[in-house]
């Protein structure tokens, strides 16, 4: 039986999920006038809240990898690891594309190892996941240089870091050529490679996160900015998976892992990711 604190956290997670879904559906203004419209999203938001709370508890008892695999299964998806073996020793930086909201779970399942730190943008729902949030290095709206120093310290201590240099949701390689997006990646990987002695960088390409129905869906086309359209589509897909995952088993997410790099430039990293593209289809 859940105690009062667990019940409060479940309500908080539900409300944060509803906030995301209301924004994704373009109903923010309507909800200001008719707050009862929020109840339209109670079903998927509560289901997702329960699964997220279970995921967070499982991190403490089983570890992040198994917890992530279980949550993916709840959402109707599995994960397929292709390519090279995952680095587990020494300072190591896993550099991945970011095609949706399920990629982090797939990556946690494949890269599973103690002490893996994940770079993430500030989001209230992540702060509400107490065990998971301890693994995060959160990038604030301002002051990103401080996070870079934390990354450097963690890696210099022999740790592992997962980062998404795009800083936003990108085209899924299962449906689009991801190359143009890589050209806009942050240069933080090159900077860390210069600052951290013995650092090995392992490129990772994730594909199959987005379902065909949620690749440029009509429900997201009202958003003007590309980043907003992609985020809206990803949230709507998550709501769909929460509601219908028991009825429809989905293809697994593919995580293709490249050979470690000791020399890192934008061109070298781009070539390594391009070499993984055939594995991702």
C-alpha atoms as a PDB file:
ATOM      1  CA  UNK A   1       0.000   0.000   0.000  1.00  0.00           C
ATOM      2  CA  UNK A   2       1.344   3.411  -0.920  1.00  0.00           C
ATOM      3  CA  UNK A   3       2.140   5.899   1.842  1.00  0.00           C
ATOM      4  CA  UNK A   4       1.229   9.590   1.793  1.00  0.00           C
ATOM      5  CA  UNK A   5       4.567  10.656   0.288  1.00  0.00           C
ATOM      6  CA  UNK A   6       4.287   8.107  -2.536  1.00  0.00           C
ATOM      7  CA  UNK A   7       0.740   9.263  -3.241  1.00  0.00           C
ATOM      8  CA  UNK A   8       1.843  12.910  -3.364  1.00  0.00           C
ATOM      9  CA  UNK A   9       4.643  12.047  -5.765  1.00  0.00           C
ATOM     10  CA  UNK A  10       2.263  10.096  -7.990  1.00  0.00           C
ATOM     11  CA  UNK A  11      -0.056  13.091  -8.166  1.00  0.00           C
ATOM     12  CA  UNK A  12       2.879  15.374  -8.931  1.00  0.00           C
ATOM     13  CA  UNK A  13       4.060  13.108 -11.766  1.00  0.00           C
ATOM     14  CA  UNK A  14       0.509  12.891 -13.132  1.00  0.00           C
ATOM     15  CA  UNK A  15       0.108  16.681 -13.068  1.00  0.00           C
ATOM     16  CA  UNK A  16       3.484  17.235 -14.759  1.00  0.00           C
ATOM     17  CA  UNK A  17       2.551  14.719 -17.454  1.00  0.00           C
ATOM     18  CA  UNK A  18      -0.751  16.499 -17.986  1.00  0.00           C
ATOM     19  CA  UNK A  19       1.111  19.821 -18.301  1.00  0.00           C
ATOM     20  CA  UNK A  20       3.266  18.349 -21.081  1.00  0.00           C
ATOM     21  CA  UNK A  21       0.283  16.813 -22.872  1.00  0.00           C
ATOM     22  CA  UNK A  22      -1.798  19.996 -22.669  1.00  0.00           C
ATOM     23  CA  UNK A  23       1.079  21.990 -24.141  1.00  0.00           C
ATOM     24  CA  UNK A  24       1.696  19.370 -26.848  1.00  0.00           C
ATOM     25  CA  UNK A  25      -1.986  19.415 -27.811  1.00  0.00           C
ATOM     26  CA  UNK A  26      -2.004  23.224 -28.064  1.00  0.00           C
ATOM     27  CA  UNK A  27      -4.617  23.617 -25.326  1.00  0.00           C
ATOM     28  CA  UNK A  28      -2.750  25.857 -22.889  1.00  0.00           C
ATOM     29  CA  UNK A  29      -4.971  28.889 -23.534  1.00  0.00           C
ATOM     30  CA  UNK A  30      -8.143  26.805 -23.535  1.00  0.00           C
ATOM     31  CA  UNK A  31      -7.242  25.226 -20.183  1.00  0.00           C
ATOM     32  CA  UNK A  32      -6.817  28.667 -18.626  1.00  0.00           C
ATOM     33  CA  UNK A  33     -10.505  29.293 -19.361  1.00  0.00           C
ATOM     34  CA  UNK A  34     -11.719  25.730 -18.886  1.00  0.00           C
ATOM     35  CA  UNK A  35      -9.470  23.956 -16.333  1.00  0.00           C
ATOM     36  CA  UNK A  36     -11.664  20.859 -16.510  1.00  0.00           C
ATOM     37  CA  UNK A  37     -10.191  20.164 -19.964  1.00  0.00           C
ATOM     38  CA  UNK A  38      -7.106  18.842 -18.162  1.00  0.00           C
ATOM     39  CA  UNK A  39      -9.147  15.781 -17.268  1.00  0.00           C
ATOM     40  CA  UNK A  40      -9.026  14.700 -20.916  1.00  0.00           C
ATOM     41  CA  UNK A  41      -5.453  13.601 -20.254  1.00  0.00           C
ATOM     42  CA  UNK A  42      -5.986  11.925 -16.881  1.00  0.00           C
ATOM     43  CA  UNK A  43      -5.845   8.386 -18.317  1.00  0.00           C
ATOM     44  CA  UNK A  44      -2.480   8.383 -20.098  1.00  0.00           C
ATOM     45  CA  UNK A  45      -0.944  10.844 -17.609  1.00  0.00           C
ATOM     46  CA  UNK A  46      -1.773   8.663 -14.595  1.00  0.00           C
ATOM     47  CA  UNK A  47      -0.631   5.454 -16.282  1.00  0.00           C
ATOM     48  CA  UNK A  48       2.642   7.061 -17.236  1.00  0.00           C
ATOM     49  CA  UNK A  49       3.045   8.494 -13.726  1.00  0.00           C
ATOM     50  CA  UNK A  50       2.677   5.019 -12.197  1.00  0.00           C
ATOM     51  CA  UNK A  51       5.213   3.549 -14.600  1.00  0.00           C
ATOM     52  CA  UNK A  52       7.675   6.379 -14.002  1.00  0.00           C
ATOM     53  CA  UNK A  53       7.354   5.957 -10.218  1.00  0.00           C
ATOM     54  CA  UNK A  54       7.948   2.214 -10.592  1.00  0.00           C
ATOM     55  CA  UNK A  55      10.953   2.917 -12.853  1.00  0.00           C
ATOM     56  CA  UNK A  56      12.446   5.217 -10.224  1.00  0.00           C
ATOM     57  CA  UNK A  57      11.954   2.656  -7.435  1.00  0.00           C
ATOM     58  CA  UNK A  58      13.470  -0.089  -9.589  1.00  0.00           C
ATOM     59  CA  UNK A  59      16.634   1.966 -10.147  1.00  0.00           C
ATOM     60  CA  UNK A  60      17.354   1.692  -6.428  1.00  0.00           C
ATOM     61  CA  UNK A  61      16.654  -2.049  -6.199  1.00  0.00           C
ATOM     62  CA  UNK A  62      17.737  -3.386  -9.609  1.00  0.00           C
ATOM     63  CA  UNK A  63      19.839  -0.694 -11.292  1.00  0.00           C
ATOM     64  CA  UNK A  64      19.131   1.736 -14.120  1.00  0.00           C
ATOM     65  CA  UNK A  65      19.557  -0.763 -16.986  1.00  0.00           C
ATOM     66  CA  UNK A  66      16.944  -3.314 -15.881  1.00  0.00           C
ATOM     67  CA  UNK A  67      14.614  -0.506 -14.739  1.00  0.00           C
ATOM     68  CA  UNK A  68      14.829   1.130 -18.174  1.00  0.00           C
ATOM     69  CA  UNK A  69      14.170  -2.191 -19.949  1.00  0.00           C
ATOM     70  CA  UNK A  70      11.065  -2.730 -17.824  1.00  0.00           C
ATOM     71  CA  UNK A  71       9.696   0.726 -18.567  1.00  0.00           C
ATOM     72  CA  UNK A  72      10.324   0.265 -22.292  1.00  0.00           C
ATOM     73  CA  UNK A  73       8.407  -3.016 -22.121  1.00  0.00           C
ATOM     74  CA  UNK A  74       5.519  -1.189 -20.432  1.00  0.00           C
ATOM     75  CA  UNK A  75       5.541   1.199 -23.393  1.00  0.00           C
ATOM     76  CA  UNK A  76       5.380  -1.713 -25.820  1.00  0.00           C
ATOM     77  CA  UNK A  77       8.978  -1.556 -27.029  1.00  0.00           C
ATOM     78  CA  UNK A  78      12.195  -3.479 -26.567  1.00  0.00           C
ATOM     79  CA  UNK A  79      15.764  -2.644 -27.494  1.00  0.00           C
ATOM     80  CA  UNK A  80      18.227  -4.208 -29.940  1.00  0.00           C
ATOM     81  CA  UNK A  81      21.972  -3.688 -29.435  1.00  0.00           C
ATOM     82  CA  UNK A  82      24.096  -3.801 -32.592  1.00  0.00           C
ATOM     83  CA  UNK A  83      27.737  -3.090 -33.312  1.00  0.00           C
ATOM     84  CA  UNK A  84      30.652  -2.880 -30.892  1.00  0.00           C
ATOM     85  CA  UNK A  85      30.883  -3.850 -27.242  1.00  0.00           C
ATOM     86  CA  UNK A  86      30.199  -1.066 -24.755  1.00  0.00           C
ATOM     87  CA  UNK A  87      33.158   0.486 -22.933  1.00  0.00           C
ATOM     88  CA  UNK A  88      33.174  -0.211 -19.195  1.00  0.00           C
ATOM     89  CA  UNK A  89      36.627   0.933 -18.038  1.00  0.00           C
ATOM     90  CA  UNK A  90      38.464   4.253 -17.854  1.00  0.00           C
ATOM     91  CA  UNK A  91      37.162   7.719 -18.677  1.00  0.00           C
ATOM     92  CA  UNK A  92      34.553   7.185 -21.385  1.00  0.00           C
ATOM     93  CA  UNK A  93      32.085   9.472 -23.110  1.00  0.00           C
ATOM     94  CA  UNK A  94      29.096   8.032 -24.952  1.00  0.00           C
ATOM     95  CA  UNK A  95      27.900  10.473 -27.617  1.00  0.00           C
ATOM     96  CA  UNK A  96      24.410   9.841 -28.993  1.00  0.00           C
ATOM     97  CA  UNK A  97      21.792  11.334 -31.260  1.00  0.00           C
ATOM     98  CA  UNK A  98      18.402  12.181 -29.730  1.00  0.00           C
ATOM     99  CA  UNK A  99      15.459  11.091 -31.934  1.00  0.00           C
ATOM    100  CA  UNK A 100      12.743  11.042 -29.268  1.00  0.00           C
ATOM    101  CA  UNK A 101      11.781  10.514 -25.635  1.00  0.00           C
ATOM    102  CA  UNK A 102      12.388   6.748 -25.599  1.00  0.00           C
ATOM    103  CA  UNK A 103      16.028   6.891 -26.655  1.00  0.00           C
ATOM    104  CA  UNK A 104      17.327   7.576 -23.132  1.00  0.00           C
ATOM    105  CA  UNK A 105      15.650   4.399 -21.853  1.00  0.00           C
ATOM    106  CA  UNK A 106      17.101   2.324 -24.688  1.00  0.00           C
ATOM    107  CA  UNK A 107      20.555   3.790 -24.041  1.00  0.00           C
ATOM    108  CA  UNK A 108      20.355   3.122 -20.300  1.00  0.00           C
ATOM    109  CA  UNK A 109      19.455  -0.500 -21.084  1.00  0.00           C
ATOM    110  CA  UNK A 110      22.382  -0.988 -23.488  1.00  0.00           C
ATOM    111  CA  UNK A 111      25.044   1.107 -21.733  1.00  0.00           C
ATOM    112  CA  UNK A 112      24.073  -0.278 -18.317  1.00  0.00           C
ATOM    113  CA  UNK A 113      26.935   0.284 -15.849  1.00  0.00           C
ATOM    114  CA  UNK A 114      27.388   1.728 -12.356  1.00  0.00           C
ATOM    115  CA  UNK A 115      28.082   5.432 -12.138  1.00  0.00           C
ATOM    116  CA  UNK A 116      26.901   6.359 -15.627  1.00  0.00           C
ATOM    117  CA  UNK A 117      26.039  10.077 -15.589  1.00  0.00           C
ATOM    118  CA  UNK A 118      23.489  11.368 -18.096  1.00  0.00           C
ATOM    119  CA  UNK A 119      23.505  14.929 -19.405  1.00  0.00           C
ATOM    120  CA  UNK A 120      19.951  16.296 -19.592  1.00  0.00           C
ATOM    121  CA  UNK A 121      18.072  19.548 -19.930  1.00  0.00           C
ATOM    122  CA  UNK A 122      16.207  20.948 -16.946  1.00  0.00           C
ATOM    123  CA  UNK A 123      12.730  19.392 -16.622  1.00  0.00           C
ATOM    124  CA  UNK A 124      10.474  19.236 -13.559  1.00  0.00           C
ATOM    125  CA  UNK A 125       9.438  15.652 -14.233  1.00  0.00           C
ATOM    126  CA  UNK A 126      13.090  14.551 -14.062  1.00  0.00           C
ATOM    127  CA  UNK A 127      13.546  16.300 -10.716  1.00  0.00           C
ATOM    128  CA  UNK A 128      10.525  14.377  -9.404  1.00  0.00           C
ATOM    129  CA  UNK A 129      12.292  11.063 -10.124  1.00  0.00           C
ATOM    130  CA  UNK A 130      14.576  11.131  -7.107  1.00  0.00           C
ATOM    131  CA  UNK A 131      16.746   8.080  -7.830  1.00  0.00           C
ATOM    132  CA  UNK A 132      17.078   8.846 -11.532  1.00  0.00           C
ATOM    133  CA  UNK A 133      17.818  12.527 -10.961  1.00  0.00           C
ATOM    134  CA  UNK A 134      20.913  11.572  -8.935  1.00  0.00           C
ATOM    135  CA  UNK A 135      22.404  10.209 -12.173  1.00  0.00           C
ATOM    136  CA  UNK A 136      21.775  13.407 -14.115  1.00  0.00           C
ATOM    137  CA  UNK A 137      24.033  16.324 -14.940  1.00  0.00           C
ATOM    138  CA  UNK A 138      21.408  18.959 -15.650  1.00  0.00           C
ATOM    139  CA  UNK A 139      22.121  21.704 -18.184  1.00  0.00           C
ATOM    140  CA  UNK A 140      20.432  24.941 -17.022  1.00  0.00           C
ATOM    141  CA  UNK A 141      19.173  27.669 -19.317  1.00  0.00           C
ATOM    142  CA  UNK A 142      22.260  29.704 -18.395  1.00  0.00           C
ATOM    143  CA  UNK A 143      25.598  28.730 -16.904  1.00  0.00           C
ATOM    144  CA  UNK A 144      26.294  25.657 -19.052  1.00  0.00           C
ATOM    145  CA  UNK A 145      30.032  26.129 -18.417  1.00  0.00           C
ATOM    146  CA  UNK A 146      29.592  24.861 -14.865  1.00  0.00           C
ATOM    147  CA  UNK A 147      28.093  21.606 -16.195  1.00  0.00           C
ATOM    148  CA  UNK A 148      31.060  21.207 -18.545  1.00  0.00           C
ATOM    149  CA  UNK A 149      33.389  21.448 -15.532  1.00  0.00           C
ATOM    150  CA  UNK A 150      31.337  18.784 -13.693  1.00  0.00           C
ATOM    151  CA  UNK A 151      31.588  16.550 -16.759  1.00  0.00           C
ATOM    152  CA  UNK A 152      35.321  17.062 -16.887  1.00  0.00           C
ATOM    153  CA  UNK A 153      35.720  16.186 -13.189  1.00  0.00           C
ATOM    154  CA  UNK A 154      33.548  13.071 -13.496  1.00  0.00           C
ATOM    155  CA  UNK A 155      35.506  11.822 -16.504  1.00  0.00           C
ATOM    156  CA  UNK A 156      38.884  12.619 -14.934  1.00  0.00           C
ATOM    157  CA  UNK A 157      37.836  10.374 -12.066  1.00  0.00           C
ATOM    158  CA  UNK A 158      37.459   7.481 -14.498  1.00  0.00           C
ATOM    159  CA  UNK A 159      33.701   7.835 -14.833  1.00  0.00           C
ATOM    160  CA  UNK A 160      31.250   7.355 -17.699  1.00  0.00           C
ATOM    161  CA  UNK A 161      29.027  10.031 -19.247  1.00  0.00           C
ATOM    162  CA  UNK A 162      26.186   9.859 -21.771  1.00  0.00           C
ATOM    163  CA  UNK A 163      25.579  13.091 -23.660  1.00  0.00           C
ATOM    164  CA  UNK A 164      23.298  14.321 -26.448  1.00  0.00           C
ATOM    165  CA  UNK A 165      25.248  17.069 -28.280  1.00  0.00           C
ATOM    166  CA  UNK A 166      22.227  18.187 -30.326  1.00  0.00           C
ATOM    167  CA  UNK A 167      20.498  19.483 -27.198  1.00  0.00           C
ATOM    168  CA  UNK A 168      17.124  18.903 -28.831  1.00  0.00           C
ATOM    169  CA  UNK A 169      15.041  16.160 -30.463  1.00  0.00           C
ATOM    170  CA  UNK A 170      16.453  15.204 -33.878  1.00  0.00           C
ATOM    171  CA  UNK A 171      15.235  13.334 -36.976  1.00  0.00           C
ATOM    172  CA  UNK A 172      15.006   9.576 -36.417  1.00  0.00           C
ATOM    173  CA  UNK A 173      17.508   7.711 -38.669  1.00  0.00           C
ATOM    174  CA  UNK A 174      14.823   5.097 -39.295  1.00  0.00           C
ATOM    175  CA  UNK A 175      12.946   7.689 -41.372  1.00  0.00           C
ATOM    176  CA  UNK A 176      15.333  10.514 -42.255  1.00  0.00           C
ATOM    177  CA  UNK A 177      18.946  11.246 -43.079  1.00  0.00           C
ATOM    178  CA  UNK A 178      20.347  12.407 -39.716  1.00  0.00           C
ATOM    179  CA  UNK A 179      23.585  13.811 -41.187  1.00  0.00           C
ATOM    180  CA  UNK A 180      22.532  17.493 -41.377  1.00  0.00           C
ATOM    181  CA  UNK A 181      21.621  17.423 -37.694  1.00  0.00           C
ATOM    182  CA  UNK A 182      25.069  16.111 -36.673  1.00  0.00           C
ATOM    183  CA  UNK A 183      26.698  19.143 -38.310  1.00  0.00           C
ATOM    184  CA  UNK A 184      24.967  21.364 -35.722  1.00  0.00           C
ATOM    185  CA  UNK A 185      26.078  19.386 -32.682  1.00  0.00           C
ATOM    186  CA  UNK A 186      27.788  21.121 -29.785  1.00  0.00           C
ATOM    187  CA  UNK A 187      31.598  21.094 -29.868  1.00  0.00           C
ATOM    188  CA  UNK A 188      31.730  20.104 -26.195  1.00  0.00           C
ATOM    189  CA  UNK A 189      32.891  16.590 -27.135  1.00  0.00           C
ATOM    190  CA  UNK A 190      36.024  17.961 -28.805  1.00  0.00           C
ATOM    191  CA  UNK A 191      36.667  20.222 -25.833  1.00  0.00           C
ATOM    192  CA  UNK A 192      36.404  17.343 -23.350  1.00  0.00           C
ATOM    193  CA  UNK A 193      38.665  15.182 -25.515  1.00  0.00           C
ATOM    194  CA  UNK A 194      41.366  17.851 -25.185  1.00  0.00           C
ATOM    195  CA  UNK A 195      40.901  18.324 -21.451  1.00  0.00           C
ATOM    196  CA  UNK A 196      40.510  14.731 -20.189  1.00  0.00           C
ATOM    197  CA  UNK A 197      43.619  12.578 -20.462  1.00  0.00           C
ATOM    198  CA  UNK A 198      42.966   9.090 -21.809  1.00  0.00           C
ATOM    199  CA  UNK A 199      39.357   9.847 -22.712  1.00  0.00           C
ATOM    200  CA  UNK A 200      37.744   7.451 -25.155  1.00  0.00           C
ATOM    201  CA  UNK A 201      34.667   8.585 -27.029  1.00  0.00           C
ATOM    202  CA  UNK A 202      32.163   5.969 -28.165  1.00  0.00           C
ATOM    203  CA  UNK A 203      29.624   7.084 -30.806  1.00  0.00           C
ATOM    204  CA  UNK A 204      26.105   5.697 -30.524  1.00  0.00           C
ATOM    205  CA  UNK A 205      23.290   5.908 -33.080  1.00  0.00           C
ATOM    206  CA  UNK A 206      19.722   5.331 -31.907  1.00  0.00           C
ATOM    207  CA  UNK A 207      16.907   4.657 -34.397  1.00  0.00           C
ATOM    208  CA  UNK A 208      13.342   3.387 -34.442  1.00  0.00           C
ATOM    209  CA  UNK A 209      12.249   5.551 -31.519  1.00  0.00           C
ATOM    210  CA  UNK A 210       9.549   7.352 -33.494  1.00  0.00           C
ATOM    211  CA  UNK A 211       6.537   5.460 -34.785  1.00  0.00           C
ATOM    212  CA  UNK A 212       5.561   6.138 -38.390  1.00  0.00           C
ATOM    213  CA  UNK A 213       2.300   7.795 -37.340  1.00  0.00           C
ATOM    214  CA  UNK A 214       4.223  10.312 -35.234  1.00  0.00           C
ATOM    215  CA  UNK A 215       6.765  11.336 -37.853  1.00  0.00           C
ATOM    216  CA  UNK A 216       5.571  14.854 -38.749  1.00  0.00           C
ATOM    217  CA  UNK A 217       1.991  14.183 -37.551  1.00  0.00           C
ATOM    218  CA  UNK A 218      -0.743  16.626 -38.517  1.00  0.00           C
ATOM    219  CA  UNK A 219      -1.396  17.310 -34.808  1.00  0.00           C
ATOM    220  CA  UNK A 220       2.066  18.886 -34.475  1.00  0.00           C
ATOM    221  CA  UNK A 221       2.116  21.000 -37.636  1.00  0.00           C
ATOM    222  CA  UNK A 222       0.574  24.003 -35.913  1.00  0.00           C
ATOM    223  CA  UNK A 223       3.891  24.552 -34.094  1.00  0.00           C
ATOM    224  CA  UNK A 224       6.065  27.019 -36.020  1.00  0.00           C
ATOM    225  CA  UNK A 225       9.528  26.038 -34.781  1.00  0.00           C
ATOM    226  CA  UNK A 226      11.003  22.689 -35.817  1.00  0.00           C
ATOM    227  CA  UNK A 227      12.107  21.934 -32.236  1.00  0.00           C
ATOM    228  CA  UNK A 228       8.576  22.542 -30.939  1.00  0.00           C
ATOM    229  CA  UNK A 229       6.998  20.308 -33.612  1.00  0.00           C
ATOM    230  CA  UNK A 230       9.377  17.464 -32.790  1.00  0.00           C
ATOM    231  CA  UNK A 231       8.783  17.793 -29.051  1.00  0.00           C
ATOM    232  CA  UNK A 232       5.002  17.889 -29.555  1.00  0.00           C
ATOM    233  CA  UNK A 233       5.082  14.759 -31.718  1.00  0.00           C
ATOM    234  CA  UNK A 234       7.254  12.946 -29.158  1.00  0.00           C
ATOM    235  CA  UNK A 235       4.894  13.772 -26.255  1.00  0.00           C
ATOM    236  CA  UNK A 236       1.820  12.731 -28.246  1.00  0.00           C
ATOM    237  CA  UNK A 237       3.513   9.437 -29.109  1.00  0.00           C
ATOM    238  CA  UNK A 238       4.281   8.836 -25.432  1.00  0.00           C
ATOM    239  CA  UNK A 239       0.610   9.378 -24.548  1.00  0.00           C
ATOM    240  CA  UNK A 240      -0.393   6.940 -27.304  1.00  0.00           C
ATOM    241  CA  UNK A 241       2.045   4.319 -26.027  1.00  0.00           C
ATOM    242  CA  UNK A 242       0.756   4.688 -22.479  1.00  0.00           C
ATOM    243  CA  UNK A 243      -2.813   4.042 -23.661  1.00  0.00           C
ATOM    244  CA  UNK A 244      -2.302   1.347 -26.294  1.00  0.00           C
ATOM    245  CA  UNK A 245       0.958  -0.477 -25.545  1.00  0.00           C
ATOM    246  CA  UNK A 246      -0.888  -3.579 -24.320  1.00  0.00           C
ATOM    247  CA  UNK A 247      -2.729  -3.888 -27.612  1.00  0.00           C
ATOM    248  CA  UNK A 248       0.113  -3.102 -30.003  1.00  0.00           C
ATOM    249  CA  UNK A 249       3.634  -4.468 -29.617  1.00  0.00           C
ATOM    250  CA  UNK A 250       6.032  -2.136 -31.380  1.00  0.00           C
ATOM    251  CA  UNK A 251       9.333  -2.780 -33.172  1.00  0.00           C
ATOM    252  CA  UNK A 252      12.367  -2.535 -30.882  1.00  0.00           C
ATOM    253  CA  UNK A 253      14.513   0.561 -30.680  1.00  0.00           C
ATOM    254  CA  UNK A 254      17.904  -0.052 -32.289  1.00  0.00           C
ATOM    255  CA  UNK A 255      21.038   1.115 -30.483  1.00  0.00           C
ATOM    256  CA  UNK A 256      24.095   0.859 -32.762  1.00  0.00           C
ATOM    257  CA  UNK A 257      27.417   1.252 -30.946  1.00  0.00           C
ATOM    258  CA  UNK A 258      30.592   2.286 -32.759  1.00  0.00           C
ATOM    259  CA  UNK A 259      34.226   1.517 -32.044  1.00  0.00           C
ATOM    260  CA  UNK A 260      35.850   3.877 -29.511  1.00  0.00           C
ATOM    261  CA  UNK A 261      37.560   6.997 -30.835  1.00  0.00           C
ATOM    262  CA  UNK A 262      40.789   8.383 -29.422  1.00  0.00           C
ATOM    263  CA  UNK A 263      40.925  11.311 -31.853  1.00  0.00           C
ATOM    264  CA  UNK A 264      37.813  13.457 -31.848  1.00  0.00           C
ATOM    265  CA  UNK A 265      36.869  16.164 -34.331  1.00  0.00           C
ATOM    266  CA  UNK A 266      33.511  16.991 -35.842  1.00  0.00           C
ATOM    267  CA  UNK A 267      34.524  15.266 -39.085  1.00  0.00           C
ATOM    268  CA  UNK A 268      35.793  12.103 -37.361  1.00  0.00           C
ATOM    269  CA  UNK A 269      32.674  11.831 -35.205  1.00  0.00           C
ATOM    270  CA  UNK A 270      30.401  12.410 -38.208  1.00  0.00           C
ATOM    271  CA  UNK A 271      32.184   9.671 -40.172  1.00  0.00           C
ATOM    272  CA  UNK A 272      31.865   7.247 -37.261  1.00  0.00           C
ATOM    273  CA  UNK A 273      28.130   7.913 -36.976  1.00  0.00           C
ATOM    274  CA  UNK A 274      27.668   7.569 -40.739  1.00  0.00           C
ATOM    275  CA  UNK A 275      29.355   4.164 -40.564  1.00  0.00           C
ATOM    276  CA  UNK A 276      26.702   3.088 -38.048  1.00  0.00           C
ATOM    277  CA  UNK A 277      23.766   4.144 -40.248  1.00  0.00           C
ATOM    278  CA  UNK A 278      23.467   0.785 -42.115  1.00  0.00           C
ATOM    279  CA  UNK A 279      23.145  -0.985 -38.734  1.00  0.00           C
ATOM    280  CA  UNK A 280      20.305   1.290 -37.668  1.00  0.00           C
ATOM    281  CA  UNK A 281      17.902   0.209 -40.417  1.00  0.00           C
END
